[in-house]
Amino acid sequence: MNTDDILVVTTNEVAHTTIARVLAPVYGTAVRSRSGLGNALGSLRATFGGGQAGYTRLLRETRAEAIRELQAHAASYGANAVIGMRFDSGEFDAGRAQSMAEITAYGTAVILE
C-alpha cells in the first residue's frame, strides 16, 4: 500500500466504516530549521510587528512531513488508516541563533472496512 493511501483523521470514527482491528499507537516526527538569515529577518519583523510568512511556511512543511512519517509508521503495521490524529509541537534553540521547529503527529493505526 502506498503511504499516501492511508487515511488520517482527527476523529475516532470514520463514517460508513467499521474498525476491524486496532493495531498500535503510531507517530511521525519532523524537525526543521530556518537559516540564520531567515531567523534574523523574522526577528526584525517581530520587532516591528506583522506576519511571519517564513515561519508559517516552515510550520506547514514540518506538519506535512510529520504526517508522511505518521503514515509510514502506520503502513509498517499494515494499517489503512490512522484515527484520533493530533499534533504536538515545540521549538528549541540549536545554538548560533538557529532555532528548530519540532512537530510530532500521533494517533492510532487501524484497519477500516
PDB file of N, CA and C in Angstrom:
ATOM      1  N   MET A   1       0.839  -1.186   0.000  1.00  0.00           N
ATOM      2  CA  MET A   1       0.000   0.000   0.000  1.00  0.00           C
ATOM      3  C   MET A   1       0.882   1.247   0.000  1.00  0.00           C
ATOM      4  N   ASN A   2       0.523   2.185  -0.823  1.00  0.00           N
ATOM      5  CA  ASN A   2       1.189   3.481  -0.872  1.00  0.00           C
ATOM      6  C   ASN A   2       0.838   4.244   0.400  1.00  0.00           C
ATOM      7  N   THR A   3       1.819   4.837   1.063  1.00  0.00           N
ATOM      8  CA  THR A   3       1.524   5.541   2.316  1.00  0.00           C
ATOM      9  C   THR A   3       0.563   6.709   2.115  1.00  0.00           C
ATOM     10  N   ASP A   4       0.517   7.284   0.913  1.00  0.00           N
ATOM     11  CA  ASP A   4      -0.429   8.367   0.636  1.00  0.00           C
ATOM     12  C   ASP A   4      -1.874   7.875   0.694  1.00  0.00           C
ATOM     13  N   ASP A   5      -2.081   6.556   0.563  1.00  0.00           N
ATOM     14  CA  ASP A   5      -3.419   5.981   0.597  1.00  0.00           C
ATOM     15  C   ASP A   5      -3.922   5.751   2.019  1.00  0.00           C
ATOM     16  N   ILE A   6      -3.086   5.966   3.012  1.00  0.00           N
ATOM     17  CA  ILE A   6      -3.507   5.767   4.399  1.00  0.00           C
ATOM     18  C   ILE A   6      -4.279   7.001   4.850  1.00  0.00           C
ATOM     19  N   LEU A   7      -5.531   6.768   5.191  1.00  0.00           N
ATOM     20  CA  LEU A   7      -6.410   7.834   5.645  1.00  0.00           C
ATOM     21  C   LEU A   7      -5.958   8.306   7.021  1.00  0.00           C
ATOM     22  N   VAL A   8      -5.892   9.611   7.211  1.00  0.00           N
ATOM     23  CA  VAL A   8      -5.540  10.191   8.517  1.00  0.00           C
ATOM     24  C   VAL A   8      -6.664  11.140   8.897  1.00  0.00           C
ATOM     25  N   VAL A   9      -7.294  10.859  10.057  1.00  0.00           N
ATOM     26  CA  VAL A   9      -8.405  11.697  10.522  1.00  0.00           C
ATOM     27  C   VAL A   9      -8.205  12.057  11.989  1.00  0.00           C
ATOM     28  N   THR A  10      -8.785  13.173  12.383  1.00  0.00           N
ATOM     29  CA  THR A  10      -8.702  13.597  13.780  1.00  0.00           C
ATOM     30  C   THR A  10      -9.841  13.007  14.612  1.00  0.00           C
ATOM     31  N   THR A  11     -10.809  12.416  13.967  1.00  0.00           N
ATOM     32  CA  THR A  11     -11.936  11.811  14.675  1.00  0.00           C
ATOM     33  C   THR A  11     -11.585  10.390  15.111  1.00  0.00           C
ATOM     34  N   ASN A  12     -12.399   9.829  15.995  1.00  0.00           N
ATOM     35  CA  ASN A  12     -12.182   8.465  16.454  1.00  0.00           C
ATOM     36  C   ASN A  12     -13.004   7.449  15.669  1.00  0.00           C
ATOM     37  N   GLU A  13     -13.793   7.930  14.724  1.00  0.00           N
ATOM     38  CA  GLU A  13     -14.605   7.081  13.855  1.00  0.00           C
ATOM     39  C   GLU A  13     -14.574   7.659  12.448  1.00  0.00           C
ATOM     40  N   VAL A  14     -14.845   6.816  11.472  1.00  0.00           N
ATOM     41  CA  VAL A  14     -14.962   7.268  10.084  1.00  0.00           C
ATOM     42  C   VAL A  14     -16.319   6.819   9.590  1.00  0.00           C
ATOM     43  N   ALA A  15     -17.123   7.756   9.138  1.00  0.00           N
ATOM     44  CA  ALA A  15     -18.486   7.452   8.698  1.00  0.00           C
ATOM     45  C   ALA A  15     -18.505   6.332   7.663  1.00  0.00           C
ATOM     46  N   HIS A  16     -19.488   5.472   7.795  1.00  0.00           N
ATOM     47  CA  HIS A  16     -19.742   4.381   6.852  1.00  0.00           C
ATOM     48  C   HIS A  16     -18.633   3.337   6.826  1.00  0.00           C
ATOM     49  N   THR A  17     -17.836   3.244   7.900  1.00  0.00           N
ATOM     50  CA  THR A  17     -16.800   2.212   8.001  1.00  0.00           C
ATOM     51  C   THR A  17     -16.898   1.548   9.364  1.00  0.00           C
ATOM     52  N   THR A  18     -16.254   0.410   9.461  1.00  0.00           N
ATOM     53  CA  THR A  18     -16.146  -0.304  10.730  1.00  0.00           C
ATOM     54  C   THR A  18     -14.657  -0.479  11.032  1.00  0.00           C
ATOM     55  N   ILE A  19     -14.284  -0.269  12.279  1.00  0.00           N
ATOM     56  CA  ILE A  19     -12.907  -0.537  12.676  1.00  0.00           C
ATOM     57  C   ILE A  19     -12.797  -2.043  12.879  1.00  0.00           C
ATOM     58  N   ALA A  20     -12.137  -2.698  11.950  1.00  0.00           N
ATOM     59  CA  ALA A  20     -11.989  -4.154  12.010  1.00  0.00           C
ATOM     60  C   ALA A  20     -10.915  -4.553  13.014  1.00  0.00           C
ATOM     61  N   ARG A  21      -9.895  -3.707  13.133  1.00  0.00           N
ATOM     62  CA  ARG A  21      -8.783  -4.040  14.022  1.00  0.00           C
ATOM     63  C   ARG A  21      -8.042  -2.783  14.456  1.00  0.00           C
ATOM     64  N   VAL A  22      -7.758  -2.680  15.735  1.00  0.00           N
ATOM     65  CA  VAL A  22      -6.908  -1.612  16.260  1.00  0.00           C
ATOM     66  C   VAL A  22      -5.510  -2.195  16.347  1.00  0.00           C
ATOM     67  N   LEU A  23      -4.536  -1.543  15.717  1.00  0.00           N
ATOM     68  CA  LEU A  23      -3.200  -2.116  15.608  1.00  0.00           C
ATOM     69  C   LEU A  23      -2.209  -1.590  16.642  1.00  0.00           C
ATOM     70  N   ALA A  24      -2.001  -0.282  16.694  1.00  0.00           N
ATOM     71  CA  ALA A  24      -0.971   0.251  17.587  1.00  0.00           C
ATOM     72  C   ALA A  24      -1.003   1.776  17.574  1.00  0.00           C
ATOM     73  N   PRO A  25      -0.473   2.379  18.635  1.00  0.00           N
ATOM     74  CA  PRO A  25      -0.235   3.821  18.560  1.00  0.00           C
ATOM     75  C   PRO A  25       0.914   4.073  17.583  1.00  0.00           C
ATOM     76  N   VAL A  26       0.778   5.108  16.788  1.00  0.00           N
ATOM     77  CA  VAL A  26       1.812   5.436  15.797  1.00  0.00           C
ATOM     78  C   VAL A  26       2.116   6.924  15.853  1.00  0.00           C
ATOM     79  N   TYR A  27       3.281   7.285  15.335  1.00  0.00           N
ATOM     80  CA  TYR A  27       3.687   8.684  15.354  1.00  0.00           C
ATOM     81  C   TYR A  27       4.617   8.970  14.189  1.00  0.00           C
ATOM     82  N   GLY A  28       4.778  10.229  13.910  1.00  0.00           N
ATOM     83  CA  GLY A  28       5.748  10.704  12.936  1.00  0.00           C
ATOM     84  C   GLY A  28       6.286  12.028  13.428  1.00  0.00           C
ATOM     85  N   THR A  29       7.582  12.167  13.448  1.00  0.00           N
ATOM     86  CA  THR A  29       8.205  13.396  13.946  1.00  0.00           C
ATOM     87  C   THR A  29       9.045  14.031  12.847  1.00  0.00           C
ATOM     88  N   ALA A  30       8.963  15.347  12.760  1.00  0.00           N
ATOM     89  CA  ALA A  30       9.764  16.106  11.796  1.00  0.00           C
ATOM     90  C   ALA A  30      10.387  17.290  12.526  1.00  0.00           C
ATOM     91  N   VAL A  31      11.632  17.559  12.200  1.00  0.00           N
ATOM     92  CA  VAL A  31      12.350  18.697  12.781  1.00  0.00           C
ATOM     93  C   VAL A  31      12.920  19.505  11.623  1.00  0.00           C
ATOM     94  N   ARG A  32      12.692  20.800  11.650  1.00  0.00           N
ATOM     95  CA  ARG A  32      13.207  21.679  10.590  1.00  0.00           C
ATOM     96  C   ARG A  32      13.705  22.969  11.205  1.00  0.00           C
ATOM     97  N   SER A  33      14.546  23.650  10.449  1.00  0.00           N
ATOM     98  CA  SER A  33      15.050  24.941  10.905  1.00  0.00           C
ATOM     99  C   SER A  33      15.050  25.933   9.765  1.00  0.00           C
ATOM    100  N   ARG A  34      15.043  27.195  10.148  1.00  0.00           N
ATOM    101  CA  ARG A  34      15.248  28.261   9.168  1.00  0.00           C
ATOM    102  C   ARG A  34      16.723  28.594   9.166  1.00  0.00           C
ATOM    103  N   SER A  35      17.147  29.248   8.119  1.00  0.00           N
ATOM    104  CA  SER A  35      18.543  29.684   8.048  1.00  0.00           C
ATOM    105  C   SER A  35      18.771  30.813   9.044  1.00  0.00           C
ATOM    106  N   GLY A  36      20.025  31.077   9.323  1.00  0.00           N
ATOM    107  CA  GLY A  36      20.365  32.192  10.197  1.00  0.00           C
ATOM    108  C   GLY A  36      19.810  33.504   9.677  1.00  0.00           C
ATOM    109  N   LEU A  37      19.891  33.702   8.354  1.00  0.00           N
ATOM    110  CA  LEU A  37      19.346  34.916   7.747  1.00  0.00           C
ATOM    111  C   LEU A  37      17.834  34.968   7.927  1.00  0.00           C
ATOM    112  N   GLY A  38      17.161  33.833   7.711  1.00  0.00           N
ATOM    113  CA  GLY A  38      15.707  33.776   7.891  1.00  0.00           C
ATOM    114  C   GLY A  38      15.311  34.100   9.318  1.00  0.00           C
ATOM    115  N   ASN A  39      16.075  33.580  10.291  1.00  0.00           N
ATOM    116  CA  ASN A  39      15.798  33.886  11.698  1.00  0.00           C
ATOM    117  C   ASN A  39      16.012  35.367  11.988  1.00  0.00           C
ATOM    118  N   ALA A  40      17.084  35.940  11.428  1.00  0.00           N
ATOM    119  CA  ALA A  40      17.367  37.364  11.658  1.00  0.00           C
ATOM    120  C   ALA A  40      16.258  38.239  11.078  1.00  0.00           C
ATOM    121  N   LEU A  41      15.826  37.918   9.868  1.00  0.00           N
ATOM    122  CA  LEU A  41      14.745  38.696   9.254  1.00  0.00           C
ATOM    123  C   LEU A  41      13.436  38.520  10.021  1.00  0.00           C
ATOM    124  N   GLY A  42      13.192  37.295  10.498  1.00  0.00           N
ATOM    125  CA  GLY A  42      11.994  37.046  11.299  1.00  0.00           C
ATOM    126  C   GLY A  42      12.014  37.840  12.592  1.00  0.00           C
ATOM    127  N   SER A  43      13.166  37.924  13.233  1.00  0.00           N
ATOM    128  CA  SER A  43      13.299  38.704  14.460  1.00  0.00           C
ATOM    129  C   SER A  43      13.060  40.177  14.193  1.00  0.00           C
ATOM    130  N   LEU A  44      13.578  40.653  13.069  1.00  0.00           N
ATOM    131  CA  LEU A  44      13.373  42.055  12.690  1.00  0.00           C
ATOM    132  C   LEU A  44      11.889  42.334  12.470  1.00  0.00           C
ATOM    133  N   ARG A  45      11.207  41.429  11.752  1.00  0.00           N
ATOM    134  CA  ARG A  45       9.770  41.599  11.524  1.00  0.00           C
ATOM    135  C   ARG A  45       9.001  41.562  12.834  1.00  0.00           C
ATOM    136  N   ALA A  46       9.397  40.693  13.757  1.00  0.00           N
ATOM    137  CA  ALA A  46       8.716  40.592  15.042  1.00  0.00           C
ATOM    138  C   ALA A  46       8.857  41.883  15.837  1.00  0.00           C
ATOM    139  N   THR A  47       9.999  42.551  15.699  1.00  0.00           N
ATOM    140  CA  THR A  47      10.234  43.802  16.411  1.00  0.00           C
ATOM    141  C   THR A  47       9.244  44.875  15.973  1.00  0.00           C
ATOM    142  N   PHE A  48       8.947  44.904  14.677  1.00  0.00           N
ATOM    143  CA  PHE A  48       8.063  45.941  14.135  1.00  0.00           C
ATOM    144  C   PHE A  48       6.640  45.457  13.925  1.00  0.00           C
ATOM    145  N   GLY A  49       6.367  44.209  14.240  1.00  0.00           N
ATOM    146  CA  GLY A  49       5.017  43.657  14.077  1.00  0.00           C
ATOM    147  C   GLY A  49       4.797  43.176  12.651  1.00  0.00           C
ATOM    148  N   GLY A  50       3.750  42.417  12.479  1.00  0.00           N
ATOM    149  CA  GLY A  50       3.406  41.931  11.142  1.00  0.00           C
ATOM    150  C   GLY A  50       3.466  40.420  11.040  1.00  0.00           C
ATOM    151  N   GLY A  51       3.085  39.928   9.892  1.00  0.00           N
ATOM    152  CA  GLY A  51       3.029  38.497   9.650  1.00  0.00           C
ATOM    153  C   GLY A  51       4.402  37.856   9.584  1.00  0.00           C
ATOM    154  N   GLN A  52       4.422  36.575   9.795  1.00  0.00           N
ATOM    155  CA  GLN A  52       5.666  35.806   9.770  1.00  0.00           C
ATOM    156  C   GLN A  52       5.534  34.700   8.722  1.00  0.00           C
ATOM    157  N   ALA A  53       5.486  35.092   7.458  1.00  0.00           N
ATOM    158  CA  ALA A  53       5.255  34.140   6.366  1.00  0.00           C
ATOM    159  C   ALA A  53       6.297  33.031   6.324  1.00  0.00           C
ATOM    160  N   GLY A  54       7.548  33.352   6.605  1.00  0.00           N
ATOM    161  CA  GLY A  54       8.606  32.335   6.589  1.00  0.00           C
ATOM    162  C   GLY A  54       8.383  31.275   7.651  1.00  0.00           C
ATOM    163  N   TYR A  55       8.027  31.698   8.858  1.00  0.00           N
ATOM    164  CA  TYR A  55       7.758  30.735   9.929  1.00  0.00           C
ATOM    165  C   TYR A  55       6.485  29.938   9.640  1.00  0.00           C
ATOM    166  N   THR A  56       5.488  30.597   9.096  1.00  0.00           N
ATOM    167  CA  THR A  56       4.239  29.904   8.747  1.00  0.00           C
ATOM    168  C   THR A  56       4.516  28.806   7.735  1.00  0.00           C
ATOM    169  N   ARG A  57       5.288  29.112   6.718  1.00  0.00           N
ATOM    170  CA  ARG A  57       5.655  28.122   5.698  1.00  0.00           C
ATOM    171  C   ARG A  57       6.452  26.974   6.325  1.00  0.00           C
ATOM    172  N   LEU A  58       7.413  27.308   7.197  1.00  0.00           N
ATOM    173  CA  LEU A  58       8.217  26.304   7.880  1.00  0.00           C
ATOM    174  C   LEU A  58       7.329  25.335   8.661  1.00  0.00           C
ATOM    175  N   LEU A  59       6.377  25.861   9.417  1.00  0.00           N
ATOM    176  CA  LEU A  59       5.499  25.002  10.211  1.00  0.00           C
ATOM    177  C   LEU A  59       4.584  24.162   9.335  1.00  0.00           C
ATOM    178  N   ARG A  60       4.069  24.743   8.258  1.00  0.00           N
ATOM    179  CA  ARG A  60       3.200  23.988   7.334  1.00  0.00           C
ATOM    180  C   ARG A  60       3.967  22.809   6.732  1.00  0.00           C
ATOM    181  N   GLU A  61       5.183  23.057   6.282  1.00  0.00           N
ATOM    182  CA  GLU A  61       6.003  21.995   5.684  1.00  0.00           C
ATOM    183  C   GLU A  61       6.385  20.941   6.725  1.00  0.00           C
ATOM    184  N   THR A  62       6.662  21.380   7.949  1.00  0.00           N
ATOM    185  CA  THR A  62       7.039  20.444   9.011  1.00  0.00           C
ATOM    186  C   THR A  62       5.847  19.570   9.392  1.00  0.00           C
ATOM    187  N   ARG A  63       4.640  20.153   9.466  1.00  0.00           N
ATOM    188  CA  ARG A  63       3.437  19.348   9.736  1.00  0.00           C
ATOM    189  C   ARG A  63       3.219  18.310   8.652  1.00  0.00           C
ATOM    190  N   ALA A  64       3.351  18.704   7.398  1.00  0.00           N
ATOM    191  CA  ALA A  64       3.156  17.768   6.285  1.00  0.00           C
ATOM    192  C   ALA A  64       4.162  16.622   6.351  1.00  0.00           C
ATOM    193  N   GLU A  65       5.410  16.937   6.689  1.00  0.00           N
ATOM    194  CA  GLU A  65       6.430  15.895   6.819  1.00  0.00           C
ATOM    195  C   GLU A  65       6.100  14.953   7.980  1.00  0.00           C
ATOM    196  N   ALA A  66       5.624  15.498   9.099  1.00  0.00           N
ATOM    197  CA  ALA A  66       5.254  14.667  10.247  1.00  0.00           C
ATOM    198  C   ALA A  66       4.112  13.721   9.888  1.00  0.00           C
ATOM    199  N   ILE A  67       3.146  14.196   9.104  1.00  0.00           N
ATOM    200  CA  ILE A  67       2.036  13.328   8.679  1.00  0.00           C
ATOM    201  C   ILE A  67       2.550  12.225   7.758  1.00  0.00           C
ATOM    202  N   ARG A  68       3.466  12.546   6.843  1.00  0.00           N
ATOM    203  CA  ARG A  68       4.038  11.499   5.977  1.00  0.00           C
ATOM    204  C   ARG A  68       4.763  10.439   6.808  1.00  0.00           C
ATOM    205  N   GLU A  69       5.492  10.873   7.815  1.00  0.00           N
ATOM    206  CA  GLU A  69       6.175   9.925   8.713  1.00  0.00           C
ATOM    207  C   GLU A  69       5.158   9.087   9.484  1.00  0.00           C
ATOM    208  N   LEU A  70       4.074   9.717   9.929  1.00  0.00           N
ATOM    209  CA  LEU A  70       2.992   9.008  10.619  1.00  0.00           C
ATOM    210  C   LEU A  70       2.401   7.929   9.708  1.00  0.00           C
ATOM    211  N   GLN A  71       2.130   8.286   8.463  1.00  0.00           N
ATOM    212  CA  GLN A  71       1.579   7.319   7.514  1.00  0.00           C
ATOM    213  C   GLN A  71       2.543   6.153   7.279  1.00  0.00           C
ATOM    214  N   ALA A  72       3.831   6.440   7.193  1.00  0.00           N
ATOM    215  CA  ALA A  72       4.816   5.372   7.000  1.00  0.00           C
ATOM    216  C   ALA A  72       4.852   4.443   8.214  1.00  0.00           C
ATOM    217  N   HIS A  73       4.774   5.012   9.410  1.00  0.00           N
ATOM    218  CA  HIS A  73       4.768   4.184  10.616  1.00  0.00           C
ATOM    219  C   HIS A  73       3.516   3.304  10.636  1.00  0.00           C
ATOM    220  N   ALA A  74       2.363   3.871  10.283  1.00  0.00           N
ATOM    221  CA  ALA A  74       1.117   3.095  10.235  1.00  0.00           C
ATOM    222  C   ALA A  74       1.209   1.987   9.194  1.00  0.00           C
ATOM    223  N   ALA A  75       1.803   2.284   8.052  1.00  0.00           N
ATOM    224  CA  ALA A  75       1.957   1.279   6.986  1.00  0.00           C
ATOM    225  C   ALA A  75       2.805   0.113   7.465  1.00  0.00           C
ATOM    226  N   SER A  76       3.768   0.361   8.330  1.00  0.00           N
ATOM    227  CA  SER A  76       4.623  -0.717   8.831  1.00  0.00           C
ATOM    228  C   SER A  76       3.832  -1.728   9.659  1.00  0.00           C
ATOM    229  N   TYR A  77       2.668  -1.337  10.139  1.00  0.00           N
ATOM    230  CA  TYR A  77       1.781  -2.250  10.873  1.00  0.00           C
ATOM    231  C   TYR A  77       0.708  -2.859   9.971  1.00  0.00           C
ATOM    232  N   GLY A  78       0.651  -2.431   8.710  1.00  0.00           N
ATOM    233  CA  GLY A  78      -0.368  -2.923   7.801  1.00  0.00           C
ATOM    234  C   GLY A  78      -1.685  -2.168   7.906  1.00  0.00           C
ATOM    235  N   ALA A  79      -1.659  -0.988   8.484  1.00  0.00           N
ATOM    236  CA  ALA A  79      -2.873  -0.184   8.668  1.00  0.00           C
ATOM    237  C   ALA A  79      -3.314   0.448   7.351  1.00  0.00           C
ATOM    238  N   ASN A  80      -4.613   0.752   7.277  1.00  0.00           N
ATOM    239  CA  ASN A  80      -5.094   1.533   6.140  1.00  0.00           C
ATOM    240  C   ASN A  80      -5.625   2.888   6.596  1.00  0.00           C
ATOM    241  N   ALA A  81      -5.535   3.157   7.919  1.00  0.00           N
ATOM    242  CA  ALA A  81      -5.994   4.440   8.446  1.00  0.00           C
ATOM    243  C   ALA A  81      -5.345   4.727   9.788  1.00  0.00           C
ATOM    244  N   VAL A  82      -5.332   6.013  10.130  1.00  0.00           N
ATOM    245  CA  VAL A  82      -4.930   6.466  11.456  1.00  0.00           C
ATOM    246  C   VAL A  82      -6.076   7.321  11.970  1.00  0.00           C
ATOM    247  N   ILE A  83      -6.589   6.954  13.143  1.00  0.00           N
ATOM    248  CA  ILE A  83      -7.672   7.735  13.737  1.00  0.00           C
ATOM    249  C   ILE A  83      -7.151   8.504  14.944  1.00  0.00           C
ATOM    250  N   GLY A  84      -7.903   9.538  15.335  1.00  0.00           N
ATOM    251  CA  GLY A  84      -7.546  10.326  16.508  1.00  0.00           C
ATOM    252  C   GLY A  84      -6.225  11.061  16.375  1.00  0.00           C
ATOM    253  N   MET A  85      -5.867  11.464  15.158  1.00  0.00           N
ATOM    254  CA  MET A  85      -4.577  12.125  14.941  1.00  0.00           C
ATOM    255  C   MET A  85      -4.551  13.488  15.630  1.00  0.00           C
ATOM    256  N   ARG A  86      -3.424  13.755  16.270  1.00  0.00           N
ATOM    257  CA  ARG A  86      -3.177  15.043  16.919  1.00  0.00           C
ATOM    258  C   ARG A  86      -1.747  15.467  16.614  1.00  0.00           C
ATOM    259  N   PHE A  87      -1.471  16.754  16.853  1.00  0.00           N
ATOM    260  CA  PHE A  87      -0.118  17.283  16.723  1.00  0.00           C
ATOM    261  C   PHE A  87       0.396  17.691  18.102  1.00  0.00           C
ATOM    262  N   ASP A  88       1.675  17.524  18.289  1.00  0.00           N
ATOM    263  CA  ASP A  88       2.377  18.084  19.430  1.00  0.00           C
ATOM    264  C   ASP A  88       3.558  18.838  18.825  1.00  0.00           C
ATOM    265  N   SER A  89       3.877  19.987  19.373  1.00  0.00           N
ATOM    266  CA  SER A  89       4.963  20.757  18.757  1.00  0.00           C
ATOM    267  C   SER A  89       5.812  21.456  19.806  1.00  0.00           C
ATOM    268  N   GLY A  90       6.986  21.821  19.374  1.00  0.00           N
ATOM    269  CA  GLY A  90       7.889  22.557  20.236  1.00  0.00           C
ATOM    270  C   GLY A  90       8.956  23.238  19.404  1.00  0.00           C
ATOM    271  N   GLU A  91       9.699  24.075  20.053  1.00  0.00           N
ATOM    272  CA  GLU A  91      10.801  24.769  19.388  1.00  0.00           C
ATOM    273  C   GLU A  91      11.974  24.735  20.342  1.00  0.00           C
ATOM    274  N   PHE A  92      13.156  24.574  19.806  1.00  0.00           N
ATOM    275  CA  PHE A  92      14.326  24.590  20.667  1.00  0.00           C
ATOM    276  C   PHE A  92      15.457  25.317  19.978  1.00  0.00           C
ATOM    277  N   ASP A  93      16.345  25.828  20.800  1.00  0.00           N
ATOM    278  CA  ASP A  93      17.500  26.584  20.325  1.00  0.00           C
ATOM    279  C   ASP A  93      18.613  25.599  19.995  1.00  0.00           C
ATOM    280  N   ALA A  94      19.086  25.644  18.760  1.00  0.00           N
ATOM    281  CA  ALA A  94      20.154  24.747  18.328  1.00  0.00           C
ATOM    282  C   ALA A  94      21.506  25.454  18.328  1.00  0.00           C
ATOM    283  N   GLY A  95      21.574  26.622  18.940  1.00  0.00           N
ATOM    284  CA  GLY A  95      22.836  27.362  19.011  1.00  0.00           C
ATOM    285  C   GLY A  95      23.051  28.250  17.801  1.00  0.00           C
ATOM    286  N   ARG A  96      23.924  29.221  17.950  1.00  0.00           N
ATOM    287  CA  ARG A  96      24.280  30.165  16.873  1.00  0.00           C
ATOM    288  C   ARG A  96      23.055  30.808  16.229  1.00  0.00           C
ATOM    289  N   ALA A  97      22.115  31.239  17.054  1.00  0.00           N
ATOM    290  CA  ALA A  97      20.894  31.909  16.591  1.00  0.00           C
ATOM    291  C   ALA A  97      20.075  31.028  15.661  1.00  0.00           C
ATOM    292  N   GLN A  98      20.185  29.734  15.834  1.00  0.00           N
ATOM    293  CA  GLN A  98      19.460  28.772  14.989  1.00  0.00           C
ATOM    294  C   GLN A  98      18.361  28.131  15.831  1.00  0.00           C
ATOM    295  N   SER A  99      17.101  28.339  15.455  1.00  0.00           N
ATOM    296  CA  SER A  99      16.018  27.684  16.175  1.00  0.00           C
ATOM    297  C   SER A  99      15.436  26.574  15.306  1.00  0.00           C
ATOM    298  N   MET A 100      14.983  25.531  15.965  1.00  0.00           N
ATOM    299  CA  MET A 100      14.446  24.366  15.279  1.00  0.00           C
ATOM    300  C   MET A 100      12.988  24.191  15.689  1.00  0.00           C
ATOM    301  N   ALA A 101      12.145  23.866  14.709  1.00  0.00           N
ATOM    302  CA  ALA A 101      10.746  23.545  14.977  1.00  0.00           C
ATOM    303  C   ALA A 101      10.597  22.028  14.925  1.00  0.00           C
ATOM    304  N   GLU A 102       9.988  21.470  15.963  1.00  0.00           N
ATOM    305  CA  GLU A 102       9.755  20.024  16.031  1.00  0.00           C
ATOM    306  C   GLU A 102       8.255  19.802  16.134  1.00  0.00           C
ATOM    307  N   ILE A 103       7.729  18.959  15.256  1.00  0.00           N
ATOM    308  CA  ILE A 103       6.311  18.631  15.285  1.00  0.00           C
ATOM    309  C   ILE A 103       6.173  17.119  15.219  1.00  0.00           C
ATOM    310  N   THR A 104       5.344  16.585  16.109  1.00  0.00           N
ATOM    311  CA  THR A 104       5.019  15.165  16.096  1.00  0.00           C
ATOM    312  C   THR A 104       3.537  15.015  15.823  1.00  0.00           C
ATOM    313  N   ALA A 105       3.214  14.164  14.858  1.00  0.00           N
ATOM    314  CA  ALA A 105       1.826  13.783  14.589  1.00  0.00           C
ATOM    315  C   ALA A 105       1.659  12.393  15.181  1.00  0.00           C
ATOM    316  N   TYR A 106       0.579  12.170  15.926  1.00  0.00           N
ATOM    317  CA  TYR A 106       0.377  10.862  16.521  1.00  0.00           C
ATOM    318  C   TYR A 106      -1.095  10.464  16.483  1.00  0.00           C
ATOM    319  N   GLY A 107      -1.351   9.179  16.541  1.00  0.00           N
ATOM    320  CA  GLY A 107      -2.706   8.669  16.514  1.00  0.00           C
ATOM    321  C   GLY A 107      -2.702   7.162  16.666  1.00  0.00           C
ATOM    322  N   THR A 108      -3.797   6.525  16.282  1.00  0.00           N
ATOM    323  CA  THR A 108      -3.951   5.086  16.419  1.00  0.00           C
ATOM    324  C   THR A 108      -4.081   4.455  15.041  1.00  0.00           C
ATOM    325  N   ALA A 109      -3.207   3.511  14.734  1.00  0.00           N
ATOM    326  CA  ALA A 109      -3.258   2.787  13.461  1.00  0.00           C
ATOM    327  C   ALA A 109      -4.363   1.741  13.524  1.00  0.00           C
ATOM    328  N   VAL A 110      -5.209   1.721  12.510  1.00  0.00           N
ATOM    329  CA  VAL A 110      -6.333   0.779  12.466  1.00  0.00           C
ATOM    330  C   VAL A 110      -6.497   0.207  11.060  1.00  0.00           C
ATOM    331  N   ILE A 111      -7.303  -0.831  11.000  1.00  0.00           N
ATOM    332  CA  ILE A 111      -7.760  -1.360   9.708  1.00  0.00           C
ATOM    333  C   ILE A 111      -9.253  -1.078   9.643  1.00  0.00           C
ATOM    334  N   LEU A 112      -9.644  -0.308   8.649  1.00  0.00           N
ATOM    335  CA  LEU A 112     -11.048   0.014   8.426  1.00  0.00           C
ATOM    336  C   LEU A 112     -11.630  -0.883   7.357  1.00  0.00           C
ATOM    337  N   GLU A 113     -12.881  -1.246   7.525  1.00  0.00           N
ATOM    338  CA  GLU A 113     -13.611  -1.993   6.492  1.00  0.00           C
ATOM    339  C   GLU A 113     -14.787  -1.169   6.035  1.00  0.00           C
TER     340      GLU A 113
END
